[in-house]
PDB file of all heavy atoms in Angstrom:
ATOM      1  N   ASN A   1      93.402  95.340  92.156  1.00  0.00           N
ATOM      2  CA  ASN A   1      94.632  95.314  92.932  1.00  0.00           C
ATOM      3  C   ASN A   1      94.370  94.603  94.262  1.00  0.00           C
ATOM      4  O   ASN A   1      93.315  94.798  94.872  1.00  0.00           O
ATOM      5  CB  ASN A   1      95.098  96.754  93.195  1.00  0.00           C
ATOM      6  CG  ASN A   1      96.427  96.802  93.942  1.00  0.00           C
ATOM      7  OD1 ASN A   1      96.479  96.650  95.158  1.00  0.00           O
ATOM      8  ND2 ASN A   1      97.500  97.021  93.206  1.00  0.00           N
ATOM      9  N   PRO A   2      95.301  93.757  94.717  1.00  0.00           N
ATOM     10  CA  PRO A   2      95.055  92.996  95.956  1.00  0.00           C
ATOM     11  C   PRO A   2      94.674  93.849  97.161  1.00  0.00           C
ATOM     12  O   PRO A   2      93.929  93.400  98.025  1.00  0.00           O
ATOM     13  CB  PRO A   2      96.387  92.286  96.188  1.00  0.00           C
ATOM     14  CG  PRO A   2      96.980  92.141  94.829  1.00  0.00           C
ATOM     15  CD  PRO A   2      96.579  93.372  94.077  1.00  0.00           C
ATOM     16  N   SER A   3      95.164  95.075  97.218  1.00  0.00           N
ATOM     17  CA  SER A   3      94.817  95.935  98.356  1.00  0.00           C
ATOM     18  C   SER A   3      93.334  96.292  98.326  1.00  0.00           C
ATOM     19  O   SER A   3      92.683  96.367  99.383  1.00  0.00           O
ATOM     20  CB  SER A   3      95.666  97.204  98.352  1.00  0.00           C
ATOM     21  OG  SER A   3      95.390  98.006  97.214  1.00  0.00           O
ATOM     22  N   LEU A   4      92.779  96.505  97.148  1.00  0.00           N
ATOM     23  CA  LEU A   4      91.357  96.831  97.029  1.00  0.00           C
ATOM     24  C   LEU A   4      90.498  95.588  97.261  1.00  0.00           C
ATOM     25  O   LEU A   4      89.423  95.669  97.874  1.00  0.00           O
ATOM     26  CB  LEU A   4      91.062  97.432  95.660  1.00  0.00           C
ATOM     27  CG  LEU A   4      91.798  98.740  95.334  1.00  0.00           C
ATOM     28  CD1 LEU A   4      91.372  99.263  93.960  1.00  0.00           C
ATOM     29  CD2 LEU A   4      91.543  99.794  96.409  1.00  0.00           C
ATOM     30  N   ALA A   5      90.972  94.448  96.784  1.00  0.00           N
ATOM     31  CA  ALA A   5      90.254  93.198  97.050  1.00  0.00           C
ATOM     32  C   ALA A   5      90.187  92.943  98.551  1.00  0.00           C
ATOM     33  O   ALA A   5      89.156  92.494  99.082  1.00  0.00           O
ATOM     34  CB  ALA A   5      90.946  92.045  96.333  1.00  0.00           C
ATOM     35  N   THR A   6      91.286  93.248  99.237  1.00  0.00           N
ATOM     36  CA  THR A   6      91.315  93.097 100.698  1.00  0.00           C
ATOM     37  C   THR A   6      90.278  93.992 101.358  1.00  0.00           C
ATOM     38  O   THR A   6      89.545  93.566 102.261  1.00  0.00           O
ATOM     39  CB  THR A   6      92.724  93.425 101.226  1.00  0.00           C
ATOM     40  OG1 THR A   6      93.648  92.463 100.712  1.00  0.00           O
ATOM     41  CG2 THR A   6      92.762  93.415 102.742  1.00  0.00           C
ATOM     42  N   LEU A   7      90.192  95.224 100.909  1.00  0.00           N
ATOM     43  CA  LEU A   7      89.197  96.138 101.471  1.00  0.00           C
ATOM     44  C   LEU A   7      87.778  95.627 101.227  1.00  0.00           C
ATOM     45  O   LEU A   7      86.892  95.810 102.074  1.00  0.00           O
ATOM     46  CB  LEU A   7      89.368  97.533 100.870  1.00  0.00           C
ATOM     47  CG  LEU A   7      90.499  98.384 101.463  1.00  0.00           C
ATOM     48  CD1 LEU A   7      90.708  99.637 100.621  1.00  0.00           C
ATOM     49  CD2 LEU A   7      90.190  98.761 102.898  1.00  0.00           C
ATOM     50  N   GLY A   8      87.553  94.992 100.078  1.00  0.00           N
ATOM     51  CA  GLY A   8      86.240  94.420  99.799  1.00  0.00           C
ATOM     52  C   GLY A   8      85.841  93.371 100.817  1.00  0.00           C
ATOM     53  O   GLY A   8      84.674  93.285 101.229  1.00  0.00           O
ATOM     54  N   VAL A   9      86.811  92.557 101.261  1.00  0.00           N
ATOM     55  CA  VAL A   9      86.548  91.573 102.315  1.00  0.00           C
ATOM     56  C   VAL A   9      86.350  92.273 103.655  1.00  0.00           C
ATOM     57  O   VAL A   9      85.436  91.955 104.424  1.00  0.00           O
ATOM     58  CB  VAL A   9      87.700  90.549 102.404  1.00  0.00           C
ATOM     59  CG1 VAL A   9      87.468  89.574 103.553  1.00  0.00           C
ATOM     60  CG2 VAL A   9      87.845  89.788 101.095  1.00  0.00           C
ATOM     61  N   ASP A  10      87.205  93.247 103.936  1.00  0.00           N
ATOM     62  CA  ASP A  10      87.156  93.939 105.222  1.00  0.00           C
ATOM     63  C   ASP A  10      85.811  94.626 105.465  1.00  0.00           C
ATOM     64  O   ASP A  10      85.302  94.647 106.592  1.00  0.00           O
ATOM     65  CB  ASP A  10      88.286  94.969 105.300  1.00  0.00           C
ATOM     66  CG  ASP A  10      89.646  94.345 105.552  1.00  0.00           C
ATOM     67  OD1 ASP A  10      89.695  93.137 105.866  1.00  0.00           O
ATOM     68  OD2 ASP A  10      90.655  95.051 105.441  1.00  0.00           O
ATOM     69  N   LEU A  11      85.230  95.196 104.430  1.00  0.00           N
ATOM     70  CA  LEU A  11      83.944  95.884 104.589  1.00  0.00           C
ATOM     71  C   LEU A  11      82.844  94.904 104.998  1.00  0.00           C
ATOM     72  O   LEU A  11      81.993  95.221 105.841  1.00  0.00           O
ATOM     73  CB  LEU A  11      83.571  96.593 103.293  1.00  0.00           C
ATOM     74  CG  LEU A  11      84.430  97.817 102.931  1.00  0.00           C
ATOM     75  CD1 LEU A  11      84.085  98.300 101.527  1.00  0.00           C
ATOM     76  CD2 LEU A  11      84.243  98.936 103.942  1.00  0.00           C
ATOM     77  N   GLN A  12      82.873  93.722 104.423  1.00  0.00           N
ATOM     78  CA  GLN A  12      81.882  92.712 104.803  1.00  0.00           C
ATOM     79  C   GLN A  12      82.044  92.310 106.267  1.00  0.00           C
ATOM     80  O   GLN A  12      81.061  92.183 107.016  1.00  0.00           O
ATOM     81  CB  GLN A  12      82.037  91.466 103.924  1.00  0.00           C
ATOM     82  CG  GLN A  12      81.846  91.694 102.434  1.00  0.00           C
ATOM     83  CD  GLN A  12      82.205  90.436 101.649  1.00  0.00           C
ATOM     84  OE1 GLN A  12      81.486  89.439 101.695  1.00  0.00           O
ATOM     85  NE2 GLN A  12      83.321  90.464 100.936  1.00  0.00           N
ATOM     86  N   ILE A  13      83.296  92.127 106.673  1.00  0.00           N
ATOM     87  CA  ILE A  13      83.565  91.707 108.047  1.00  0.00           C
ATOM     88  C   ILE A  13      83.144  92.791 109.037  1.00  0.00           C
ATOM     89  O   ILE A  13      82.515  92.505 110.070  1.00  0.00           O
ATOM     90  CB  ILE A  13      85.054  91.356 108.214  1.00  0.00           C
ATOM     91  CG1 ILE A  13      85.398  90.099 107.407  1.00  0.00           C
ATOM     92  CG2 ILE A  13      85.401  91.157 109.692  1.00  0.00           C
ATOM     93  CD1 ILE A  13      86.888  89.748 107.406  1.00  0.00           C
ATOM     94  N   ALA A  14      83.490  94.052 108.733  1.00  0.00           N
ATOM     95  CA  ALA A  14      83.174  95.149 109.651  1.00  0.00           C
ATOM     96  C   ALA A  14      81.688  95.191 109.976  1.00  0.00           C
ATOM     97  O   ALA A  14      81.288  95.410 111.124  1.00  0.00           O
ATOM     98  CB  ALA A  14      83.644  96.469 109.058  1.00  0.00           C
ATOM     99  N   GLN A  15      80.865  94.976 108.975  1.00  0.00           N
ATOM    100  CA  GLN A  15      79.415  94.980 109.194  1.00  0.00           C
ATOM    101  C   GLN A  15      79.008  93.871 110.168  1.00  0.00           C
ATOM    102  O   GLN A  15      78.198  94.072 111.074  1.00  0.00           O
ATOM    103  CB  GLN A  15      78.696  94.789 107.855  1.00  0.00           C
ATOM    104  CG  GLN A  15      77.188  94.625 107.949  1.00  0.00           C
ATOM    105  CD  GLN A  15      76.474  95.885 108.408  1.00  0.00           C
ATOM    106  OE1 GLN A  15      76.959  96.989 108.184  1.00  0.00           O
ATOM    107  NE2 GLN A  15      75.335  95.715 109.062  1.00  0.00           N
ATOM    108  N   ASP A  16      79.593  92.707 110.021  1.00  0.00           N
ATOM    109  CA  ASP A  16      79.155  91.530 110.782  1.00  0.00           C
ATOM    110  C   ASP A  16      79.672  91.495 112.214  1.00  0.00           C
ATOM    111  O   ASP A  16      79.241  90.645 113.008  1.00  0.00           O
ATOM    112  CB  ASP A  16      79.586  90.253 110.054  1.00  0.00           C
ATOM    113  CG  ASP A  16      78.758  89.979 108.811  1.00  0.00           C
ATOM    114  OD1 ASP A  16      77.790  90.735 108.562  1.00  0.00           O
ATOM    115  OD2 ASP A  16      79.088  89.025 108.079  1.00  0.00           O
ATOM    116  N   VAL A  17      80.576  92.383 112.574  1.00  0.00           N
ATOM    117  CA  VAL A  17      81.106  92.411 113.937  1.00  0.00           C
ATOM    118  C   VAL A  17      80.060  92.911 114.946  1.00  0.00           C
ATOM    119  O   VAL A  17      80.259  92.797 116.152  1.00  0.00           O
ATOM    120  CB  VAL A  17      82.404  93.259 113.987  1.00  0.00           C
ATOM    121  CG1 VAL A  17      82.873  93.517 115.410  1.00  0.00           C
ATOM    122  CG2 VAL A  17      83.521  92.560 113.194  1.00  0.00           C
ATOM    123  N   ALA A  18      78.953  93.395 114.468  1.00  0.00           N
ATOM    124  CA  ALA A  18      77.883  93.892 115.350  1.00  0.00           C
ATOM    125  C   ALA A  18      77.598  92.894 116.474  1.00  0.00           C
ATOM    126  O   ALA A  18      77.449  91.697 116.231  1.00  0.00           O
ATOM    127  CB  ALA A  18      76.606  94.136 114.544  1.00  0.00           C
ATOM    128  N   GLY A  19      77.560  93.398 117.708  1.00  0.00           N
ATOM    129  CA  GLY A  19      77.284  92.550 118.864  1.00  0.00           C
ATOM    130  C   GLY A  19      78.507  92.173 119.665  1.00  0.00           C
ATOM    131  O   GLY A  19      78.390  91.685 120.797  1.00  0.00           O
ATOM    132  N   ALA A  20      79.700  92.394 119.105  1.00  0.00           N
ATOM    133  CA  ALA A  20      80.940  92.097 119.834  1.00  0.00           C
ATOM    134  C   ALA A  20      81.221  93.196 120.854  1.00  0.00           C
ATOM    135  O   ALA A  20      80.801  94.348 120.700  1.00  0.00           O
ATOM    136  CB  ALA A  20      82.106  91.971 118.863  1.00  0.00           C
ATOM    137  N   ASP A  21      81.974  92.850 121.896  1.00  0.00           N
ATOM    138  CA  ASP A  21      82.407  93.827 122.893  1.00  0.00           C
ATOM    139  C   ASP A  21      83.763  94.428 122.542  1.00  0.00           C
ATOM    140  O   ASP A  21      84.119  95.505 123.029  1.00  0.00           O
ATOM    141  CB  ASP A  21      82.507  93.155 124.268  1.00  0.00           C
ATOM    142  CG  ASP A  21      81.169  92.621 124.732  1.00  0.00           C
ATOM    143  OD1 ASP A  21      80.249  93.424 124.956  1.00  0.00           O
ATOM    144  OD2 ASP A  21      81.046  91.375 124.841  1.00  0.00           O
ATOM    145  N   LEU A  22      84.512  93.720 121.699  1.00  0.00           N
ATOM    146  CA  LEU A  22      85.850  94.164 121.320  1.00  0.00           C
ATOM    147  C   LEU A  22      86.226  93.462 120.023  1.00  0.00           C
ATOM    148  O   LEU A  22      85.819  92.320 119.791  1.00  0.00           O
ATOM    149  CB  LEU A  22      86.839  93.819 122.437  1.00  0.00           C
ATOM    150  CG  LEU A  22      88.302  94.200 122.288  1.00  0.00           C
ATOM    151  CD1 LEU A  22      88.895  94.560 123.659  1.00  0.00           C
ATOM    152  CD2 LEU A  22      89.129  93.073 121.663  1.00  0.00           C
ATOM    153  N   VAL A  23      87.014  94.140 119.184  1.00  0.00           N
ATOM    154  CA  VAL A  23      87.473  93.538 117.937  1.00  0.00           C
ATOM    155  C   VAL A  23      88.996  93.571 117.923  1.00  0.00           C
ATOM    156  O   VAL A  23      89.622  94.543 118.361  1.00  0.00           O
ATOM    157  CB  VAL A  23      86.865  94.254 116.708  1.00  0.00           C
ATOM    158  CG1 VAL A  23      87.287  95.723 116.649  1.00  0.00           C
ATOM    159  CG2 VAL A  23      87.222  93.536 115.422  1.00  0.00           C
ATOM    160  N   HIS A  24      89.598  92.492 117.446  1.00  0.00           N
ATOM    161  CA  HIS A  24      91.054  92.324 117.480  1.00  0.00           C
ATOM    162  C   HIS A  24      91.517  91.882 116.095  1.00  0.00           C
ATOM    163  O   HIS A  24      91.156  90.793 115.635  1.00  0.00           O
ATOM    164  CB  HIS A  24      91.405  91.271 118.537  1.00  0.00           C
ATOM    165  CG  HIS A  24      92.876  91.089 118.762  1.00  0.00           C
ATOM    166  ND1 HIS A  24      93.365  90.258 119.764  1.00  0.00           N
ATOM    167  CD2 HIS A  24      93.972  91.609 118.152  1.00  0.00           C
ATOM    168  CE1 HIS A  24      94.691  90.282 119.736  1.00  0.00           C
ATOM    169  NE2 HIS A  24      95.075  91.087 118.751  1.00  0.00           N
ATOM    170  N   SER A  25      92.307  92.718 115.422  1.00  0.00           N
ATOM    171  CA  SER A  25      92.743  92.394 114.059  1.00  0.00           C
ATOM    172  C   SER A  25      94.235  92.079 114.007  1.00  0.00           C
ATOM    173  O   SER A  25      95.024  92.586 114.802  1.00  0.00           O
ATOM    174  CB  SER A  25      92.414  93.546 113.102  1.00  0.00           C
ATOM    175  OG  SER A  25      93.216  94.683 113.359  1.00  0.00           O
ATOM    176  N   HIS A  26      94.585  91.238 113.032  1.00  0.00           N
ATOM    177  CA  HIS A  26      95.962  90.766 112.856  1.00  0.00           C
ATOM    178  C   HIS A  26      96.403  91.013 111.422  1.00  0.00           C
ATOM    179  O   HIS A  26      95.791  90.485 110.480  1.00  0.00           O
ATOM    180  CB  HIS A  26      96.053  89.273 113.177  1.00  0.00           C
ATOM    181  CG  HIS A  26      95.790  88.958 114.613  1.00  0.00           C
ATOM    182  ND1 HIS A  26      96.787  88.652 115.506  1.00  0.00           N
ATOM    183  CD2 HIS A  26      94.629  88.931 115.323  1.00  0.00           C
ATOM    184  CE1 HIS A  26      96.259  88.437 116.699  1.00  0.00           C
ATOM    185  NE2 HIS A  26      94.948  88.590 116.610  1.00  0.00           N
ATOM    186  N   THR A  27      97.454  91.773 111.247  1.00  0.00           N
ATOM    187  CA  THR A  27      98.091  92.165 109.981  1.00  0.00           C
ATOM    188  C   THR A  27      97.244  93.197 109.238  1.00  0.00           C
ATOM    189  O   THR A  27      96.048  93.334 109.477  1.00  0.00           O
ATOM    190  CB  THR A  27      98.414  90.983 109.039  1.00  0.00           C
ATOM    191  OG1 THR A  27      97.215  90.535 108.376  1.00  0.00           O
ATOM    192  CG2 THR A  27      99.058  89.824 109.794  1.00  0.00           C
ATOM    193  N   TRP A  28      97.880  93.897 108.299  1.00  0.00           N
ATOM    194  CA  TRP A  28      97.191  94.979 107.586  1.00  0.00           C
ATOM    195  C   TRP A  28      95.986  94.459 106.821  1.00  0.00           C
ATOM    196  O   TRP A  28      95.009  95.205 106.616  1.00  0.00           O
ATOM    197  CB  TRP A  28      98.152  95.701 106.636  1.00  0.00           C
ATOM    198  CG  TRP A  28      98.415  94.991 105.324  1.00  0.00           C
ATOM    199  CD1 TRP A  28      99.440  94.161 105.035  1.00  0.00           C
ATOM    200  CD2 TRP A  28      97.616  95.072 104.133  1.00  0.00           C
ATOM    201  NE1 TRP A  28      99.341  93.692 103.739  1.00  0.00           N
ATOM    202  CE2 TRP A  28      98.234  94.246 103.162  1.00  0.00           C
ATOM    203  CE3 TRP A  28      96.453  95.754 103.786  1.00  0.00           C
ATOM    204  CZ2 TRP A  28      97.721  94.082 101.887  1.00  0.00           C
ATOM    205  CZ3 TRP A  28      95.934  95.584 102.501  1.00  0.00           C
ATOM    206  CH2 TRP A  28      96.573  94.759 101.564  1.00  0.00           C
ATOM    207  N   TYR A  29      96.015  93.196 106.416  1.00  0.00           N
ATOM    208  CA  TYR A  29      94.889  92.638 105.672  1.00  0.00           C
ATOM    209  C   TYR A  29      93.585  92.757 106.464  1.00  0.00           C
ATOM    210  O   TYR A  29      92.517  92.946 105.894  1.00  0.00           O
ATOM    211  CB  TYR A  29      95.132  91.158 105.354  1.00  0.00           C
ATOM    212  CG  TYR A  29      96.234  90.904 104.362  1.00  0.00           C
ATOM    213  CD1 TYR A  29      97.510  90.541 104.787  1.00  0.00           C
ATOM    214  CD2 TYR A  29      96.006  91.017 102.995  1.00  0.00           C
ATOM    215  CE1 TYR A  29      98.528  90.296 103.881  1.00  0.00           C
ATOM    216  CE2 TYR A  29      97.021  90.775 102.072  1.00  0.00           C
ATOM    217  CZ  TYR A  29      98.280  90.418 102.526  1.00  0.00           C
ATOM    218  OH  TYR A  29      99.282  90.187 101.623  1.00  0.00           O
ATOM    219  N   ALA A  30      93.674  92.637 107.775  1.00  0.00           N
ATOM    220  CA  ALA A  30      92.487  92.678 108.633  1.00  0.00           C
ATOM    221  C   ALA A  30      92.319  94.006 109.357  1.00  0.00           C
ATOM    222  O   ALA A  30      91.274  94.250 109.967  1.00  0.00           O
ATOM    223  CB  ALA A  30      92.559  91.552 109.665  1.00  0.00           C
ATOM    224  N   ASN A  31      93.344  94.882 109.300  1.00  0.00           N
ATOM    225  CA  ASN A  31      93.300  96.116 110.080  1.00  0.00           C
ATOM    226  C   ASN A  31      92.144  97.031 109.716  1.00  0.00           C
ATOM    227  O   ASN A  31      91.533  97.664 110.593  1.00  0.00           O
ATOM    228  CB  ASN A  31      94.609  96.892 109.935  1.00  0.00           C
ATOM    229  CG  ASN A  31      95.783  96.295 110.692  1.00  0.00           C
ATOM    230  OD1 ASN A  31      96.930  96.641 110.420  1.00  0.00           O
ATOM    231  ND2 ASN A  31      95.521  95.391 111.633  1.00  0.00           N
ATOM    232  N   ALA A  32      91.819  97.135 108.425  1.00  0.00           N
ATOM    233  CA  ALA A  32      90.719  98.019 108.024  1.00  0.00           C
ATOM    234  C   ALA A  32      89.397  97.497 108.574  1.00  0.00           C
ATOM    235  O   ALA A  32      88.546  98.281 109.018  1.00  0.00           O
ATOM    236  CB  ALA A  32      90.655  98.151 106.506  1.00  0.00           C
ATOM    237  N   ALA A  33      89.218  96.184 108.555  1.00  0.00           N
ATOM    238  CA  ALA A  33      87.990  95.601 109.112  1.00  0.00           C
ATOM    239  C   ALA A  33      87.878  95.932 110.593  1.00  0.00           C
ATOM    240  O   ALA A  33      86.813  96.326 111.087  1.00  0.00           O
ATOM    241  CB  ALA A  33      87.974  94.090 108.907  1.00  0.00           C
ATOM    242  N   GLY A  34      88.969  95.789 111.325  1.00  0.00           N
ATOM    243  CA  GLY A  34      88.949  96.085 112.748  1.00  0.00           C
ATOM    244  C   GLY A  34      88.708  97.554 113.033  1.00  0.00           C
ATOM    245  O   GLY A  34      87.910  97.920 113.910  1.00  0.00           O
ATOM    246  N   HIS A  35      89.386  98.429 112.290  1.00  0.00           N
ATOM    247  CA  HIS A  35      89.248  99.873 112.492  1.00  0.00           C
ATOM    248  C   HIS A  35      87.818 100.329 112.195  1.00  0.00           C
ATOM    249  O   HIS A  35      87.209 101.048 113.007  1.00  0.00           O
ATOM    250  CB  HIS A  35      90.238 100.605 111.590  1.00  0.00           C
ATOM    251  CG  HIS A  35      90.192 102.097 111.713  1.00  0.00           C
ATOM    252  ND1 HIS A  35      90.611 102.770 112.846  1.00  0.00           N
ATOM    253  CD2 HIS A  35      89.754 103.053 110.843  1.00  0.00           C
ATOM    254  CE1 HIS A  35      90.439 104.069 112.664  1.00  0.00           C
ATOM    255  NE2 HIS A  35      89.929 104.268 111.463  1.00  0.00           N
ATOM    256  N   LEU A  36      87.296  99.897 111.068  1.00  0.00           N
ATOM    257  CA  LEU A  36      85.939 100.296 110.693  1.00  0.00           C
ATOM    258  C   LEU A  36      84.895  99.695 111.631  1.00  0.00           C
ATOM    259  O   LEU A  36      83.903 100.347 111.972  1.00  0.00           O
ATOM    260  CB  LEU A  36      85.659  99.890 109.247  1.00  0.00           C
ATOM    261  CG  LEU A  36      86.479 100.640 108.194  1.00  0.00           C
ATOM    262  CD1 LEU A  36      86.288 100.011 106.820  1.00  0.00           C
ATOM    263  CD2 LEU A  36      86.088 102.115 108.160  1.00  0.00           C
ATOM    264  N   ALA A  37      85.106  98.463 112.068  1.00  0.00           N
ATOM    265  CA  ALA A  37      84.177  97.843 113.014  1.00  0.00           C
ATOM    266  C   ALA A  37      84.162  98.607 114.334  1.00  0.00           C
ATOM    267  O   ALA A  37      83.098  98.813 114.945  1.00  0.00           O
ATOM    268  CB  ALA A  37      84.562  96.386 113.261  1.00  0.00           C
ATOM    269  N   GLY A  38      85.342  99.037 114.771  1.00  0.00           N
ATOM    270  CA  GLY A  38      85.415  99.817 115.995  1.00  0.00           C
ATOM    271  C   GLY A  38      84.630 101.109 115.894  1.00  0.00           C
ATOM    272  O   GLY A  38      83.887 101.487 116.818  1.00  0.00           O
TER     273      GLY A  38
END
């Protein structure tokens, strides 16, 4: 399902945000990545 595929991308992104001072996500497609990275 596209929602689960989106989460699969978001998990990869959340890991790689390491080192940022702030994370900013746009639309629900990216919201999980931003929330988890935070």
